[in-house]
N, C-alpha and C. Protein backbone atom coordinates (compact mmCIF):
# COMPACT_ATOMS: atom_id res chain seq x y z
N SER A 1 0.82 -1.21 0.00
CA SER A 1 0.00 0.00 0.00
C SER A 1 0.86 1.26 0.00
N SER A 2 1.96 1.25 0.81
CA SER A 2 2.82 2.44 0.81
C SER A 2 3.55 2.58 -0.52
N ASP A 3 3.86 1.43 -1.19
CA ASP A 3 4.46 1.51 -2.52
C ASP A 3 3.49 2.13 -3.51
N LEU A 4 2.20 1.80 -3.38
CA LEU A 4 1.18 2.35 -4.26
C LEU A 4 1.09 3.86 -4.07
N LYS A 5 1.11 4.33 -2.82
CA LYS A 5 1.02 5.77 -2.56
C LYS A 5 2.20 6.51 -3.16
N ARG A 6 3.39 5.89 -3.14
CA ARG A 6 4.57 6.57 -3.68
C ARG A 6 4.50 6.75 -5.19
N THR A 7 3.75 5.89 -5.88
CA THR A 7 3.64 6.01 -7.33
C THR A 7 2.56 7.00 -7.74
N GLU A 8 1.68 7.37 -6.82
CA GLU A 8 0.64 8.34 -7.13
C GLU A 8 1.21 9.75 -7.15
N LYS A 9 0.75 10.53 -8.11
CA LYS A 9 1.16 11.93 -8.20
C LYS A 9 0.11 12.80 -7.53
N THR A 10 0.51 14.00 -7.17
CA THR A 10 -0.46 14.96 -6.65
C THR A 10 -0.87 15.88 -7.80
N LEU A 11 -2.02 16.48 -7.64
CA LEU A 11 -2.54 17.33 -8.69
C LEU A 11 -2.89 18.68 -8.08
N SER A 12 -2.18 19.71 -8.49
CA SER A 12 -2.46 21.05 -7.99
C SER A 12 -3.73 21.58 -8.63
N THR A 13 -4.31 22.59 -7.99
CA THR A 13 -5.54 23.19 -8.53
C THR A 13 -5.32 23.76 -9.94
N PRO A 14 -4.23 24.50 -10.19
CA PRO A 14 -4.02 24.98 -11.57
C PRO A 14 -3.88 23.84 -12.59
N MET A 15 -3.24 22.75 -12.18
CA MET A 15 -3.13 21.60 -13.10
C MET A 15 -4.50 20.99 -13.34
N LEU A 16 -5.32 20.89 -12.29
CA LEU A 16 -6.68 20.36 -12.44
C LEU A 16 -7.46 21.23 -13.41
N ILE A 17 -7.39 22.53 -13.24
CA ILE A 17 -8.12 23.44 -14.14
C ILE A 17 -7.64 23.25 -15.58
N GLY A 18 -6.33 23.12 -15.76
CA GLY A 18 -5.79 22.89 -17.10
C GLY A 18 -6.29 21.60 -17.72
N ILE A 19 -6.35 20.54 -16.93
CA ILE A 19 -6.84 19.25 -17.41
C ILE A 19 -8.31 19.35 -17.81
N ILE A 20 -9.10 20.04 -16.99
CA ILE A 20 -10.53 20.21 -17.30
C ILE A 20 -10.70 21.02 -18.58
N VAL A 21 -9.91 22.08 -18.74
CA VAL A 21 -9.98 22.90 -19.95
C VAL A 21 -9.63 22.07 -21.19
N VAL A 22 -8.58 21.27 -21.11
CA VAL A 22 -8.22 20.42 -22.24
C VAL A 22 -9.34 19.43 -22.55
N TYR A 23 -9.90 18.82 -21.50
CA TYR A 23 -11.01 17.87 -21.66
C TYR A 23 -12.18 18.54 -22.41
N LEU A 24 -12.55 19.75 -21.98
CA LEU A 24 -13.65 20.46 -22.62
C LEU A 24 -13.30 20.91 -24.03
N MET A 25 -12.04 21.32 -24.24
CA MET A 25 -11.61 21.72 -25.58
C MET A 25 -11.66 20.54 -26.54
N ILE A 26 -11.34 19.36 -26.05
CA ILE A 26 -11.42 18.16 -26.90
C ILE A 26 -12.87 17.99 -27.36
N ILE A 27 -13.79 18.04 -26.41
CA ILE A 27 -15.21 17.81 -26.76
C ILE A 27 -15.74 18.92 -27.65
N GLN A 28 -15.63 20.17 -27.21
CA GLN A 28 -16.20 21.28 -27.97
C GLN A 28 -15.44 21.52 -29.28
N GLY A 29 -14.12 21.45 -29.22
CA GLY A 29 -13.30 21.70 -30.41
C GLY A 29 -13.48 20.64 -31.48
N MET A 30 -13.45 19.38 -31.07
CA MET A 30 -13.64 18.31 -32.06
C MET A 30 -15.04 18.35 -32.65
N THR A 31 -16.03 18.66 -31.81
CA THR A 31 -17.40 18.76 -32.31
C THR A 31 -17.49 19.86 -33.37
N ALA A 32 -16.93 21.02 -33.08
CA ALA A 32 -16.95 22.13 -34.04
C ALA A 32 -16.21 21.76 -35.32
N PHE A 33 -15.05 21.13 -35.18
CA PHE A 33 -14.26 20.75 -36.34
C PHE A 33 -14.97 19.69 -37.19
N LEU A 34 -15.51 18.67 -36.52
CA LEU A 34 -16.13 17.55 -37.24
C LEU A 34 -17.49 17.90 -37.86
N THR A 35 -18.10 19.00 -37.40
CA THR A 35 -19.40 19.39 -37.95
C THR A 35 -19.34 20.69 -38.73
N ALA A 36 -18.13 21.18 -39.01
CA ALA A 36 -18.00 22.43 -39.78
C ALA A 36 -18.73 22.30 -41.11
N GLY A 37 -19.59 23.26 -41.38
CA GLY A 37 -20.35 23.27 -42.63
C GLY A 37 -21.61 22.42 -42.61
N MET A 38 -21.86 21.74 -41.52
CA MET A 38 -23.08 20.91 -41.41
C MET A 38 -24.12 21.68 -40.60
N GLU A 39 -25.36 21.42 -40.88
CA GLU A 39 -26.43 22.02 -40.09
C GLU A 39 -26.77 21.06 -38.95
N VAL A 40 -26.37 21.45 -37.75
CA VAL A 40 -26.59 20.61 -36.58
C VAL A 40 -27.37 21.42 -35.56
N LYS A 41 -28.50 20.88 -35.12
CA LYS A 41 -29.32 21.55 -34.11
C LYS A 41 -29.25 20.77 -32.82
N TYR A 42 -28.84 21.44 -31.76
CA TYR A 42 -28.69 20.80 -30.46
C TYR A 42 -30.04 20.27 -29.98
N GLY A 43 -30.04 19.05 -29.48
CA GLY A 43 -31.24 18.48 -28.90
C GLY A 43 -32.14 17.74 -29.88
N GLU A 44 -31.92 17.89 -31.18
CA GLU A 44 -32.72 17.15 -32.16
C GLU A 44 -32.12 15.77 -32.34
N LEU A 45 -32.98 14.79 -32.59
CA LEU A 45 -32.49 13.44 -32.84
C LEU A 45 -31.75 13.48 -34.18
N PRO A 46 -30.47 13.19 -34.14
CA PRO A 46 -29.65 13.36 -35.34
C PRO A 46 -29.63 12.13 -36.22
N THR A 47 -28.93 12.27 -37.32
CA THR A 47 -28.61 11.11 -38.14
C THR A 47 -27.44 10.40 -37.46
N ILE A 48 -27.14 9.20 -37.89
CA ILE A 48 -26.00 8.47 -37.32
C ILE A 48 -24.71 9.25 -37.54
N GLU A 49 -24.56 9.83 -38.72
CA GLU A 49 -23.33 10.59 -39.01
C GLU A 49 -23.17 11.77 -38.04
N ILE A 50 -24.24 12.53 -37.83
CA ILE A 50 -24.15 13.68 -36.92
C ILE A 50 -23.91 13.20 -35.49
N LEU A 51 -24.55 12.14 -35.08
CA LEU A 51 -24.36 11.60 -33.74
C LEU A 51 -22.90 11.21 -33.52
N ILE A 52 -22.32 10.53 -34.49
CA ILE A 52 -20.93 10.12 -34.38
C ILE A 52 -20.00 11.32 -34.35
N ARG A 53 -20.31 12.35 -35.16
CA ARG A 53 -19.46 13.56 -35.20
C ARG A 53 -19.63 14.45 -33.97
N THR A 54 -20.83 14.48 -33.38
CA THR A 54 -21.06 15.40 -32.26
C THR A 54 -20.86 14.77 -30.89
N ILE A 55 -21.01 13.46 -30.79
CA ILE A 55 -20.87 12.83 -29.47
C ILE A 55 -19.84 11.71 -29.49
N THR A 56 -20.05 10.71 -30.31
CA THR A 56 -19.25 9.49 -30.22
C THR A 56 -17.75 9.76 -30.33
N ILE A 57 -17.32 10.44 -31.36
CA ILE A 57 -15.88 10.68 -31.55
C ILE A 57 -15.34 11.67 -30.50
N PRO A 58 -15.92 12.88 -30.36
CA PRO A 58 -15.34 13.81 -29.38
C PRO A 58 -15.35 13.28 -27.94
N VAL A 59 -16.46 12.69 -27.53
CA VAL A 59 -16.54 12.17 -26.17
C VAL A 59 -15.64 10.95 -26.02
N GLY A 60 -15.57 10.11 -27.04
CA GLY A 60 -14.67 8.96 -26.99
C GLY A 60 -13.22 9.38 -26.80
N VAL A 61 -12.80 10.42 -27.52
CA VAL A 61 -11.43 10.93 -27.36
C VAL A 61 -11.24 11.53 -25.96
N SER A 62 -12.28 12.20 -25.44
CA SER A 62 -12.16 12.77 -24.09
C SER A 62 -12.06 11.67 -23.03
N VAL A 63 -12.72 10.53 -23.25
CA VAL A 63 -12.61 9.39 -22.33
C VAL A 63 -11.18 8.86 -22.34
N VAL A 64 -10.60 8.74 -23.53
CA VAL A 64 -9.21 8.29 -23.65
C VAL A 64 -8.29 9.29 -22.93
N PHE A 65 -8.53 10.58 -23.12
CA PHE A 65 -7.72 11.61 -22.45
C PHE A 65 -7.82 11.46 -20.93
N ALA A 66 -9.03 11.32 -20.40
CA ALA A 66 -9.21 11.16 -18.95
C ALA A 66 -8.50 9.91 -18.46
N ALA A 67 -8.59 8.82 -19.21
CA ALA A 67 -7.91 7.57 -18.82
C ALA A 67 -6.40 7.75 -18.81
N ILE A 68 -5.86 8.48 -19.77
CA ILE A 68 -4.42 8.76 -19.81
C ILE A 68 -4.01 9.58 -18.58
N VAL A 69 -4.81 10.60 -18.24
CA VAL A 69 -4.51 11.43 -17.07
C VAL A 69 -4.53 10.58 -15.80
N ILE A 70 -5.56 9.75 -15.64
CA ILE A 70 -5.65 8.90 -14.45
C ILE A 70 -4.45 7.95 -14.38
N SER A 71 -4.06 7.40 -15.51
CA SER A 71 -2.89 6.51 -15.54
C SER A 71 -1.63 7.28 -15.16
N TRP A 72 -1.44 8.46 -15.71
CA TRP A 72 -0.27 9.29 -15.41
C TRP A 72 -0.22 9.63 -13.93
N LEU A 73 -1.40 9.93 -13.34
CA LEU A 73 -1.46 10.25 -11.92
C LEU A 73 -1.29 9.02 -11.03
N GLY A 74 -1.53 7.83 -11.60
CA GLY A 74 -1.48 6.60 -10.81
C GLY A 74 -2.69 6.48 -9.89
N TRP A 75 -3.84 7.00 -10.34
CA TRP A 75 -5.03 7.09 -9.49
C TRP A 75 -6.10 6.06 -9.79
N TRP A 76 -5.83 5.04 -10.58
CA TRP A 76 -6.90 4.11 -10.94
C TRP A 76 -7.58 3.51 -9.71
N ASN A 77 -6.81 3.13 -8.72
CA ASN A 77 -7.39 2.54 -7.52
C ASN A 77 -8.29 3.56 -6.81
N ARG A 78 -7.82 4.80 -6.69
CA ARG A 78 -8.61 5.85 -6.04
C ARG A 78 -9.88 6.17 -6.81
N VAL A 79 -9.79 6.16 -8.13
CA VAL A 79 -10.92 6.53 -8.98
C VAL A 79 -11.97 5.42 -9.05
N MET A 80 -11.53 4.19 -9.08
CA MET A 80 -12.45 3.07 -9.31
C MET A 80 -13.07 2.50 -8.04
N TYR A 81 -12.45 2.72 -6.89
CA TYR A 81 -12.95 2.13 -5.65
C TYR A 81 -13.21 3.20 -4.61
N GLU A 82 -14.45 3.46 -4.36
CA GLU A 82 -14.89 4.49 -3.42
C GLU A 82 -14.93 3.90 -2.01
N LYS A 83 -14.17 4.50 -1.10
CA LYS A 83 -14.16 4.04 0.29
C LYS A 83 -15.38 4.54 1.04
N LYS A 84 -15.79 5.74 0.72
CA LYS A 84 -16.92 6.36 1.42
C LYS A 84 -18.22 5.93 0.75
N ARG A 85 -19.15 5.49 1.52
CA ARG A 85 -20.43 5.02 1.00
C ARG A 85 -21.50 6.09 1.16
N LEU A 86 -22.38 6.13 0.20
CA LEU A 86 -23.50 7.05 0.22
C LEU A 86 -24.57 6.52 1.16
N ALA A 87 -25.23 7.41 1.88
CA ALA A 87 -26.32 7.00 2.76
C ALA A 87 -27.40 6.32 1.93
N ARG A 88 -28.01 5.30 2.50
CA ARG A 88 -29.02 4.52 1.76
C ARG A 88 -30.14 5.38 1.20
N TRP A 89 -30.60 6.37 1.96
CA TRP A 89 -31.72 7.20 1.50
C TRP A 89 -31.37 7.98 0.24
N ALA A 90 -30.09 8.27 0.02
CA ALA A 90 -29.68 9.09 -1.12
C ALA A 90 -29.91 8.39 -2.46
N TRP A 91 -30.07 7.07 -2.45
CA TRP A 91 -30.32 6.36 -3.69
C TRP A 91 -31.67 6.72 -4.31
N ILE A 92 -32.52 7.36 -3.54
CA ILE A 92 -33.83 7.76 -4.07
C ILE A 92 -33.68 8.80 -5.19
N ILE A 93 -32.64 9.65 -5.12
CA ILE A 93 -32.44 10.69 -6.14
C ILE A 93 -32.17 10.06 -7.51
N PRO A 94 -31.14 9.22 -7.66
CA PRO A 94 -30.94 8.61 -9.00
C PRO A 94 -32.10 7.70 -9.41
N ALA A 95 -32.74 7.05 -8.44
CA ALA A 95 -33.89 6.20 -8.78
C ALA A 95 -35.02 7.04 -9.36
N MET A 96 -35.27 8.21 -8.77
CA MET A 96 -36.32 9.10 -9.29
C MET A 96 -35.96 9.61 -10.68
N MET A 97 -34.67 9.92 -10.89
CA MET A 97 -34.25 10.40 -12.21
C MET A 97 -34.40 9.30 -13.25
N ALA A 98 -34.03 8.07 -12.90
CA ALA A 98 -34.18 6.94 -13.83
C ALA A 98 -35.65 6.70 -14.14
N LEU A 99 -36.48 6.77 -13.12
CA LEU A 99 -37.92 6.59 -13.31
C LEU A 99 -38.48 7.68 -14.23
N SER A 100 -38.03 8.92 -14.05
CA SER A 100 -38.53 10.00 -14.91
C SER A 100 -38.12 9.79 -16.36
N ILE A 101 -36.93 9.25 -16.59
CA ILE A 101 -36.49 8.95 -17.96
C ILE A 101 -37.40 7.88 -18.57
N ILE A 102 -37.70 6.86 -17.79
CA ILE A 102 -38.56 5.78 -18.26
C ILE A 102 -39.95 6.32 -18.60
N VAL A 103 -40.47 7.21 -17.77
CA VAL A 103 -41.82 7.75 -17.95
C VAL A 103 -41.90 8.68 -19.16
N VAL A 104 -40.90 9.56 -19.35
CA VAL A 104 -41.00 10.56 -20.41
C VAL A 104 -40.52 10.08 -21.78
N THR A 105 -39.93 8.91 -21.85
CA THR A 105 -39.47 8.39 -23.14
C THR A 105 -40.67 8.10 -24.04
N SER A 106 -40.57 8.58 -25.26
CA SER A 106 -41.62 8.34 -26.24
C SER A 106 -41.32 7.02 -26.95
N TYR A 107 -41.88 5.95 -26.41
CA TYR A 107 -41.59 4.63 -26.96
C TYR A 107 -42.16 4.44 -28.36
N SER A 108 -43.30 5.07 -28.65
CA SER A 108 -43.86 4.95 -30.00
C SER A 108 -42.93 5.62 -31.01
N HIS A 109 -42.34 6.76 -30.65
CA HIS A 109 -41.39 7.44 -31.53
C HIS A 109 -40.10 6.63 -31.64
N LEU A 110 -39.67 6.08 -30.52
CA LEU A 110 -38.45 5.28 -30.49
C LEU A 110 -38.56 4.08 -31.44
N ALA A 111 -39.76 3.51 -31.55
CA ALA A 111 -39.98 2.35 -32.41
C ALA A 111 -39.84 2.70 -33.89
N THR A 112 -39.96 3.97 -34.25
CA THR A 112 -39.86 4.39 -35.66
C THR A 112 -38.43 4.71 -36.07
N ILE A 113 -37.53 4.71 -35.12
CA ILE A 113 -36.13 5.08 -35.39
C ILE A 113 -35.33 3.84 -35.74
N SER A 114 -34.38 4.01 -36.62
CA SER A 114 -33.50 2.93 -37.03
C SER A 114 -32.83 2.29 -35.81
N PRO A 115 -32.83 0.96 -35.73
CA PRO A 115 -32.16 0.29 -34.60
C PRO A 115 -30.68 0.66 -34.51
N THR A 116 -30.03 0.88 -35.64
CA THR A 116 -28.62 1.28 -35.63
C THR A 116 -28.45 2.64 -34.95
N LEU A 117 -29.37 3.57 -35.24
CA LEU A 117 -29.31 4.88 -34.60
C LEU A 117 -29.55 4.75 -33.09
N VAL A 118 -30.50 3.93 -32.70
CA VAL A 118 -30.80 3.74 -31.27
C VAL A 118 -29.58 3.17 -30.55
N VAL A 119 -28.95 2.15 -31.12
CA VAL A 119 -27.77 1.54 -30.50
C VAL A 119 -26.61 2.54 -30.44
N THR A 120 -26.41 3.29 -31.52
CA THR A 120 -25.35 4.30 -31.53
C THR A 120 -25.63 5.39 -30.50
N LEU A 121 -26.88 5.80 -30.39
CA LEU A 121 -27.26 6.80 -29.40
C LEU A 121 -27.01 6.28 -27.98
N LEU A 122 -27.44 5.06 -27.69
CA LEU A 122 -27.22 4.48 -26.36
C LEU A 122 -25.73 4.34 -26.05
N GLY A 123 -24.96 3.90 -27.03
CA GLY A 123 -23.51 3.79 -26.83
C GLY A 123 -22.86 5.13 -26.60
N SER A 124 -23.32 6.14 -27.33
CA SER A 124 -22.77 7.49 -27.17
C SER A 124 -23.11 8.07 -25.81
N VAL A 125 -24.35 7.86 -25.37
CA VAL A 125 -24.76 8.35 -24.05
C VAL A 125 -23.97 7.64 -22.96
N LEU A 126 -23.70 6.36 -23.14
CA LEU A 126 -22.87 5.63 -22.18
C LEU A 126 -21.47 6.22 -22.13
N LEU A 127 -20.92 6.57 -23.28
CA LEU A 127 -19.60 7.22 -23.32
C LEU A 127 -19.59 8.53 -22.54
N ILE A 128 -20.67 9.30 -22.66
CA ILE A 128 -20.76 10.56 -21.92
C ILE A 128 -20.67 10.28 -20.41
N GLY A 129 -21.43 9.29 -19.96
CA GLY A 129 -21.41 8.93 -18.54
C GLY A 129 -20.03 8.49 -18.09
N ILE A 130 -19.37 7.66 -18.88
CA ILE A 130 -18.03 7.19 -18.53
C ILE A 130 -17.06 8.36 -18.46
N GLY A 131 -17.11 9.23 -19.46
CA GLY A 131 -16.21 10.39 -19.49
C GLY A 131 -16.42 11.31 -18.31
N GLU A 132 -17.68 11.61 -18.01
CA GLU A 132 -17.97 12.51 -16.89
C GLU A 132 -17.58 11.89 -15.56
N GLU A 133 -17.81 10.59 -15.40
CA GLU A 133 -17.41 9.92 -14.16
C GLU A 133 -15.90 9.95 -13.99
N LEU A 134 -15.16 9.63 -15.05
CA LEU A 134 -13.70 9.64 -14.94
C LEU A 134 -13.18 11.05 -14.65
N MET A 135 -13.71 12.03 -15.37
CA MET A 135 -13.19 13.40 -15.25
C MET A 135 -13.61 14.07 -13.95
N PHE A 136 -14.88 13.94 -13.59
CA PHE A 136 -15.39 14.72 -12.46
C PHE A 136 -15.51 13.93 -11.17
N ARG A 137 -16.06 12.75 -11.21
CA ARG A 137 -16.13 11.93 -10.00
C ARG A 137 -14.76 11.35 -9.70
N GLY A 138 -13.99 11.11 -10.75
CA GLY A 138 -12.65 10.55 -10.58
C GLY A 138 -11.61 11.63 -10.32
N ILE A 139 -11.14 12.25 -11.36
CA ILE A 139 -10.03 13.20 -11.25
C ILE A 139 -10.38 14.40 -10.38
N THR A 140 -11.49 15.06 -10.66
CA THR A 140 -11.83 16.29 -9.94
C THR A 140 -12.12 16.04 -8.46
N LEU A 141 -12.96 15.09 -8.14
CA LEU A 141 -13.28 14.82 -6.74
C LEU A 141 -12.03 14.37 -5.98
N GLU A 142 -11.22 13.52 -6.57
CA GLU A 142 -10.00 13.08 -5.89
C GLU A 142 -9.03 14.25 -5.69
N ALA A 143 -8.95 15.14 -6.65
CA ALA A 143 -8.09 16.32 -6.48
C ALA A 143 -8.62 17.22 -5.37
N MET A 144 -9.93 17.40 -5.32
CA MET A 144 -10.53 18.23 -4.26
C MET A 144 -10.34 17.59 -2.89
N ARG A 145 -10.40 16.27 -2.80
CA ARG A 145 -10.19 15.59 -1.53
C ARG A 145 -8.78 15.79 -1.01
N SER A 146 -7.83 15.94 -1.91
CA SER A 146 -6.44 16.05 -1.48
C SER A 146 -6.03 17.47 -1.09
N VAL A 147 -6.92 18.43 -1.30
CA VAL A 147 -6.63 19.81 -0.88
C VAL A 147 -6.64 19.83 0.64
N SER A 148 -5.62 20.43 1.22
CA SER A 148 -5.51 20.43 2.69
C SER A 148 -6.71 21.12 3.33
N ASN A 149 -7.10 20.59 4.47
CA ASN A 149 -8.21 21.12 5.27
C ASN A 149 -9.56 21.09 4.54
N THR A 150 -9.73 20.19 3.60
CA THR A 150 -11.00 20.07 2.90
C THR A 150 -11.76 18.87 3.44
N THR A 151 -12.97 19.12 3.89
CA THR A 151 -13.82 18.03 4.35
C THR A 151 -14.40 17.31 3.14
N GLU A 152 -14.96 16.13 3.35
CA GLU A 152 -15.58 15.37 2.27
C GLU A 152 -16.73 16.16 1.65
N ILE A 153 -17.50 16.85 2.48
CA ILE A 153 -18.63 17.63 1.97
C ILE A 153 -18.14 18.77 1.10
N LYS A 154 -17.10 19.48 1.54
CA LYS A 154 -16.55 20.57 0.72
C LYS A 154 -16.00 20.04 -0.60
N ALA A 155 -15.29 18.92 -0.54
CA ALA A 155 -14.73 18.33 -1.76
C ALA A 155 -15.85 17.97 -2.74
N ALA A 156 -16.93 17.36 -2.22
CA ALA A 156 -18.06 16.98 -3.08
C ALA A 156 -18.76 18.21 -3.64
N LEU A 157 -18.92 19.24 -2.82
CA LEU A 157 -19.55 20.47 -3.31
C LEU A 157 -18.72 21.12 -4.40
N TRP A 158 -17.41 21.22 -4.18
CA TRP A 158 -16.54 21.81 -5.20
C TRP A 158 -16.58 21.00 -6.49
N ALA A 159 -16.52 19.68 -6.36
CA ALA A 159 -16.56 18.83 -7.56
C ALA A 159 -17.88 19.02 -8.30
N ALA A 160 -19.00 19.14 -7.56
CA ALA A 160 -20.31 19.34 -8.19
C ALA A 160 -20.38 20.70 -8.89
N VAL A 161 -19.85 21.73 -8.26
CA VAL A 161 -19.84 23.07 -8.86
C VAL A 161 -18.98 23.08 -10.13
N ILE A 162 -17.82 22.43 -10.06
CA ILE A 162 -16.95 22.36 -11.24
C ILE A 162 -17.63 21.55 -12.35
N PHE A 163 -18.30 20.46 -11.99
CA PHE A 163 -19.04 19.64 -12.94
C PHE A 163 -20.11 20.49 -13.63
N GLY A 164 -20.86 21.25 -12.85
CA GLY A 164 -21.87 22.13 -13.42
C GLY A 164 -21.26 23.21 -14.29
N GLY A 165 -20.18 23.81 -13.80
CA GLY A 165 -19.50 24.85 -14.57
C GLY A 165 -19.00 24.34 -15.91
N ALA A 166 -18.53 23.10 -15.93
CA ALA A 166 -18.06 22.52 -17.18
C ALA A 166 -19.19 22.42 -18.20
N HIS A 167 -20.41 22.19 -17.71
CA HIS A 167 -21.55 22.12 -18.62
C HIS A 167 -21.90 23.48 -19.22
N ALA A 168 -21.43 24.55 -18.61
CA ALA A 168 -21.65 25.88 -19.19
C ALA A 168 -20.94 26.01 -20.53
N SER A 169 -19.93 25.15 -20.79
CA SER A 169 -19.26 25.20 -22.09
C SER A 169 -20.19 24.78 -23.22
N ASN A 170 -21.33 24.18 -22.88
CA ASN A 170 -22.32 23.83 -23.91
C ASN A 170 -22.99 25.06 -24.50
N VAL A 171 -22.67 26.24 -23.99
CA VAL A 171 -23.21 27.47 -24.55
C VAL A 171 -22.86 27.57 -26.04
N PHE A 172 -21.74 26.94 -26.43
CA PHE A 172 -21.32 26.99 -27.84
C PHE A 172 -22.23 26.18 -28.75
N THR A 173 -22.90 25.16 -28.20
CA THR A 173 -23.78 24.33 -29.02
C THR A 173 -25.25 24.50 -28.68
N GLU A 174 -25.53 24.78 -27.42
CA GLU A 174 -26.91 24.84 -26.95
C GLU A 174 -27.43 26.26 -26.79
N GLY A 175 -26.54 27.22 -26.69
CA GLY A 175 -26.97 28.59 -26.42
C GLY A 175 -27.13 28.83 -24.93
N SER A 176 -27.92 29.82 -24.58
CA SER A 176 -28.06 30.22 -23.18
C SER A 176 -28.70 29.15 -22.30
N GLY A 177 -29.37 28.18 -22.90
CA GLY A 177 -29.94 27.08 -22.13
C GLY A 177 -28.87 26.28 -21.39
N ALA A 178 -27.62 26.42 -21.80
CA ALA A 178 -26.52 25.70 -21.14
C ALA A 178 -26.37 26.14 -19.68
N PHE A 179 -26.74 27.38 -19.37
CA PHE A 179 -26.57 27.86 -18.00
C PHE A 179 -27.58 27.20 -17.06
N LEU A 180 -28.79 26.95 -17.53
CA LEU A 180 -29.76 26.21 -16.74
C LEU A 180 -29.27 24.78 -16.55
N GLN A 181 -28.77 24.17 -17.62
CA GLN A 181 -28.21 22.83 -17.54
C GLN A 181 -27.08 22.79 -16.51
N ALA A 182 -26.21 23.79 -16.53
CA ALA A 182 -25.08 23.85 -15.59
C ALA A 182 -25.58 23.90 -14.14
N ALA A 183 -26.61 24.69 -13.90
CA ALA A 183 -27.16 24.79 -12.54
C ALA A 183 -27.78 23.48 -12.09
N VAL A 184 -28.53 22.83 -12.98
CA VAL A 184 -29.19 21.57 -12.63
C VAL A 184 -28.16 20.48 -12.35
N VAL A 185 -27.15 20.35 -13.21
CA VAL A 185 -26.18 19.27 -13.00
C VAL A 185 -25.26 19.54 -11.82
N SER A 186 -25.10 20.79 -11.43
CA SER A 186 -24.36 21.07 -10.19
C SER A 186 -25.06 20.43 -9.01
N GLY A 187 -26.38 20.56 -8.97
CA GLY A 187 -27.15 19.95 -7.88
C GLY A 187 -27.18 18.44 -7.94
N THR A 188 -27.43 17.90 -9.14
CA THR A 188 -27.49 16.45 -9.25
C THR A 188 -26.11 15.82 -9.16
N GLY A 189 -25.07 16.61 -9.44
CA GLY A 189 -23.71 16.10 -9.35
C GLY A 189 -23.31 15.65 -7.96
N LEU A 190 -24.02 16.12 -6.97
CA LEU A 190 -23.76 15.68 -5.59
C LEU A 190 -24.17 14.23 -5.36
N PHE A 191 -25.13 13.76 -6.15
CA PHE A 191 -25.68 12.42 -5.92
C PHE A 191 -25.18 11.39 -6.91
N PHE A 192 -24.55 11.82 -8.00
CA PHE A 192 -24.09 10.87 -9.00
C PHE A 192 -22.59 10.78 -9.00
């Protein structure tokens, strides 16, 4: 265990900010580059090509970037295994969110969509979750925990605020609605 700790690197706040900026630049920059000259409307069900250009490739590259950072830091054990457990009652928040997704999904519309598009969409959404978990629950939360005199609650709050703030970068694709999204995910970021 002490050998493991010696191989782990520390991450300063400026380095964390730089890593987050690069992560966001990968997603936003690649999306802009890969969709240059295309008409892409945020929130509309896209074609497979647009889905791959706007989510699958940029988010996939950001997942690889986050994995490289975690490997460089030597933090895989810290990122993948949470010592602190969430109170049992807190599981109601993600359960309610999952239930709301099940309720509001238009299954009749979903049945009219190409199965390939549905599978690509589900895979892309899964990539988003993996990337956000690695970057924010992994790297960001662990970096906040290592700041001296930071309680677990403060670390979680800071990580949630940074997670929400990162969603403000969607202003480039979504417009001003990104700020509402940033506020909402800051709150839900405490539970996920």
